[in-house]
Amino acid sequence: MKIRSLLANDRAAAGAEFALVVPILLLFLFGIIDAGRFMWSINRAEKAAQMGVRMAVVTDFVSSDIGEDYVGQCTPTVDAGDPIPADCYPTVTCSKPLSTTTCTSGTADGAAFDVIVNRMRAFMPEIQPANVEITYSPSGLGYAGDPNGADLAPLVTVRLSGVPFEPMMFLKFASVDIPEVRSS
């Protein structure tokens, strides 16, 4: 008789069902939190790239080729006060894959690159110099022999790539890179 009454008793059924549902509920909860953190990290990366562009525009150029005097340069030659044509200089890309800053043209100013990266780190501290690439592209703006500053006004693009994101759910066993972010 006691076994039959024990099998008919369903008072603990809610506890057993809750124990089955809790892991799925926690998985959804932490998944939602991680998705929010991932989107927040992408937003921080975008803001860091935007600040990197602002710093690259208002500080010293990383490549020495960008700040050159263009009087008498180009084909046909450019006189003082003439606009500099967009095909007068190449696109210059600067990066710091290891410990030295390199540019595709001219000599690289590592201190200028570090100023830009350090400003970007104010928005996203996990950024490393190897994650940043600065590109100076011809824009057709600028005048040869400009006495107030650099002759060129290039289009500056900062690319941020390879920044890792570690989700909470996997407890540092897995990481995902934040998608590449560009700002000009």
Protein backbone atom coordinates (compact mmCIF):
# COMPACT_ATOMS: atom_id res chain seq x y z
CA MET A 1 0.00 0.00 0.00
CA LYS A 2 2.77 2.42 0.80
CA ILE A 3 4.45 1.97 -2.59
CA ARG A 4 1.22 2.66 -4.42
CA SER A 5 0.66 5.90 -2.46
CA LEU A 6 4.28 6.96 -3.01
CA LEU A 7 3.97 6.51 -6.79
CA ALA A 8 0.72 8.48 -6.85
CA ASN A 9 2.27 11.40 -4.92
CA ASP A 10 3.23 14.27 -7.33
CA ARG A 11 4.29 16.92 -4.82
CA ALA A 12 7.96 16.87 -5.96
CA ALA A 13 7.17 16.91 -9.69
CA ALA A 14 7.53 20.70 -9.90
CA GLY A 15 11.01 20.51 -8.34
CA ALA A 16 12.13 17.86 -10.82
CA GLU A 17 10.78 19.83 -13.77
CA PHE A 18 12.49 22.97 -12.49
CA ALA A 19 15.78 21.08 -12.21
CA LEU A 20 15.45 20.05 -15.86
CA VAL A 21 14.62 23.59 -17.07
CA VAL A 22 17.21 25.58 -15.04
CA PRO A 23 20.28 24.70 -17.20
CA ILE A 24 18.46 25.75 -20.39
CA LEU A 25 17.25 28.93 -18.69
CA LEU A 26 20.80 29.79 -17.53
CA LEU A 27 22.17 29.07 -21.01
CA PHE A 28 19.67 31.52 -22.53
CA LEU A 29 20.32 34.12 -19.82
CA PHE A 30 24.12 34.07 -20.22
CA GLY A 31 23.73 33.93 -24.00
CA ILE A 32 21.68 37.12 -23.93
CA ILE A 33 24.23 38.79 -21.66
CA ASP A 34 27.11 37.71 -23.93
CA ALA A 35 25.29 38.94 -27.04
CA GLY A 36 24.83 42.32 -25.36
CA ARG A 37 28.49 42.44 -24.33
CA PHE A 38 29.53 41.52 -27.88
CA MET A 39 27.45 44.34 -29.37
CA TRP A 40 28.83 46.74 -26.76
CA SER A 41 32.39 45.70 -27.70
CA ILE A 42 31.65 46.33 -31.38
CA ASN A 43 30.34 49.79 -30.48
CA ARG A 44 33.48 50.50 -28.42
CA ALA A 45 35.64 49.39 -31.37
CA GLU A 46 33.75 51.73 -33.70
CA LYS A 47 34.20 54.66 -31.31
CA ALA A 48 37.90 53.83 -30.89
CA ALA A 49 38.39 53.80 -34.67
CA GLN A 50 36.57 57.13 -34.97
CA MET A 51 38.80 58.65 -32.30
CA GLY A 52 41.86 57.17 -34.03
CA VAL A 53 40.89 58.96 -37.25
CA ARG A 54 40.40 62.23 -35.40
CA MET A 55 43.84 61.92 -33.78
CA ALA A 56 45.47 60.92 -37.08
CA VAL A 57 44.05 64.01 -38.76
CA VAL A 58 45.06 66.56 -36.11
CA THR A 59 48.46 65.16 -35.08
CA ASP A 60 51.67 64.48 -37.00
CA PHE A 61 51.49 62.15 -40.01
CA VAL A 62 52.88 58.67 -39.39
CA SER A 63 54.57 58.54 -42.82
CA SER A 64 57.16 61.12 -43.84
CA ASP A 65 55.86 61.05 -47.44
CA ILE A 66 52.61 62.74 -46.46
CA GLY A 67 54.18 65.86 -44.99
CA GLU A 68 56.56 66.58 -47.85
CA ASP A 69 56.73 69.84 -49.76
CA TYR A 70 55.20 69.26 -53.19
CA VAL A 71 56.52 72.38 -54.96
CA GLY A 72 58.24 71.18 -58.12
CA GLN A 73 57.01 67.62 -57.60
CA CYS A 74 54.54 65.50 -59.62
CA THR A 75 54.03 65.29 -63.37
CA PRO A 76 53.34 67.93 -64.56
CA THR A 77 55.27 69.87 -61.92
CA VAL A 78 53.29 71.76 -59.33
CA ASP A 79 54.11 75.38 -58.54
CA ALA A 80 53.57 77.06 -55.17
CA GLY A 81 49.90 77.69 -54.58
CA ASP A 82 48.71 75.11 -57.13
CA PRO A 83 46.35 72.36 -55.99
CA ILE A 84 48.00 68.98 -55.65
CA PRO A 85 46.38 66.41 -57.96
CA ALA A 86 45.17 63.16 -56.43
CA ASP A 87 47.49 61.07 -58.62
CA CYS A 88 50.59 62.94 -57.38
CA TYR A 89 51.20 60.62 -54.42
CA PRO A 90 50.38 57.00 -53.63
CA THR A 91 48.20 55.54 -50.92
CA VAL A 92 50.33 55.02 -47.81
CA THR A 93 49.47 52.39 -45.22
CA CYS A 94 51.15 52.32 -41.81
CA SER A 95 50.99 49.57 -39.20
CA LYS A 96 52.93 48.15 -36.28
CA PRO A 97 52.78 44.36 -36.57
CA LEU A 98 55.65 43.82 -34.14
CA SER A 99 57.69 46.36 -32.24
CA THR A 100 58.50 48.72 -35.13
CA THR A 101 56.14 50.91 -37.10
CA THR A 102 56.28 50.40 -40.86
CA CYS A 103 54.76 52.31 -43.77
CA THR A 104 54.45 51.32 -47.41
CA SER A 105 56.14 54.58 -48.42
CA GLY A 106 58.46 56.97 -46.58
CA THR A 107 59.87 56.57 -43.10
CA ALA A 108 57.51 55.78 -40.27
CA ASP A 109 57.16 57.88 -37.12
CA GLY A 110 56.55 55.36 -34.35
CA ALA A 111 55.80 58.04 -31.78
CA ALA A 112 53.00 59.50 -33.93
CA PHE A 113 51.54 55.99 -34.39
CA ASP A 114 51.69 55.35 -30.63
CA VAL A 115 49.89 58.65 -29.89
CA ILE A 116 47.01 57.53 -32.11
CA VAL A 117 46.86 54.03 -30.60
CA ASN A 118 47.00 55.37 -27.03
CA ARG A 119 44.08 57.69 -27.75
CA MET A 120 42.13 54.73 -29.14
CA ARG A 121 42.88 52.77 -25.96
CA ALA A 122 40.95 55.37 -23.96
CA PHE A 123 37.84 53.90 -25.59
CA MET A 124 38.92 50.26 -25.79
CA PRO A 125 41.90 49.32 -23.56
CA GLU A 126 42.36 45.86 -25.10
CA ILE A 127 43.53 47.33 -28.42
CA GLN A 128 47.13 46.45 -29.30
CA PRO A 129 49.26 48.29 -31.89
CA ALA A 130 49.14 45.18 -34.09
CA ASN A 131 45.34 45.61 -34.34
CA VAL A 132 45.59 49.09 -35.89
CA GLU A 133 46.28 50.07 -39.50
CA ILE A 134 46.31 53.70 -40.69
CA THR A 135 45.88 54.50 -44.39
CA TYR A 136 46.47 57.87 -46.03
CA SER A 137 44.72 58.02 -49.42
CA PRO A 138 44.84 60.76 -52.06
CA SER A 139 41.91 63.13 -51.86
CA GLY A 140 42.88 65.84 -54.35
CA LEU A 141 42.85 68.41 -51.55
CA GLY A 142 45.85 70.51 -50.63
CA TYR A 143 48.07 73.18 -52.10
CA ALA A 144 51.77 72.98 -52.89
CA GLY A 145 53.90 75.14 -50.63
CA ASP A 146 51.18 75.73 -48.05
CA PRO A 147 52.84 77.97 -45.42
CA ASN A 148 50.28 77.07 -42.73
CA GLY A 149 51.03 73.37 -42.48
CA ALA A 150 51.23 70.22 -44.52
CA ASP A 151 50.71 70.50 -48.26
CA LEU A 152 48.32 67.57 -48.34
CA ALA A 153 44.93 66.90 -46.84
CA PRO A 154 44.69 63.13 -47.35
CA LEU A 155 41.71 60.92 -46.67
CA VAL A 156 42.64 59.10 -43.46
CA THR A 157 41.23 55.66 -42.69
CA VAL A 158 41.84 53.72 -39.47
CA ARG A 159 41.18 49.99 -39.59
CA LEU A 160 40.82 47.99 -36.39
CA SER A 161 40.93 44.21 -36.73
CA GLY A 162 41.77 41.10 -34.75
CA VAL A 163 40.55 42.38 -31.36
CA PRO A 164 39.53 39.33 -29.31
CA PHE A 165 36.25 38.97 -27.42
CA GLU A 166 35.90 36.35 -24.68
CA PRO A 167 32.32 35.28 -23.95
CA MET A 168 31.41 34.56 -20.32
CA MET A 169 29.67 31.31 -21.21
CA PHE A 170 32.83 29.51 -22.28
CA LEU A 171 34.93 30.63 -19.30
CA LYS A 172 37.99 31.65 -21.34
CA PHE A 173 38.05 28.37 -23.30
CA ALA A 174 36.98 30.09 -26.49
CA SER A 175 37.28 33.57 -27.93
CA VAL A 176 35.91 35.30 -30.98
CA ASP A 177 37.40 38.25 -32.85
CA ILE A 178 35.32 41.40 -33.10
CA PRO A 179 34.50 42.10 -36.76
CA GLU A 180 36.81 44.48 -38.59
CA VAL A 181 35.94 48.14 -38.08
CA ARG A 182 36.95 51.01 -40.37
CA SER A 183 36.50 54.71 -39.97
CA SER A 184 37.52 57.52 -42.32
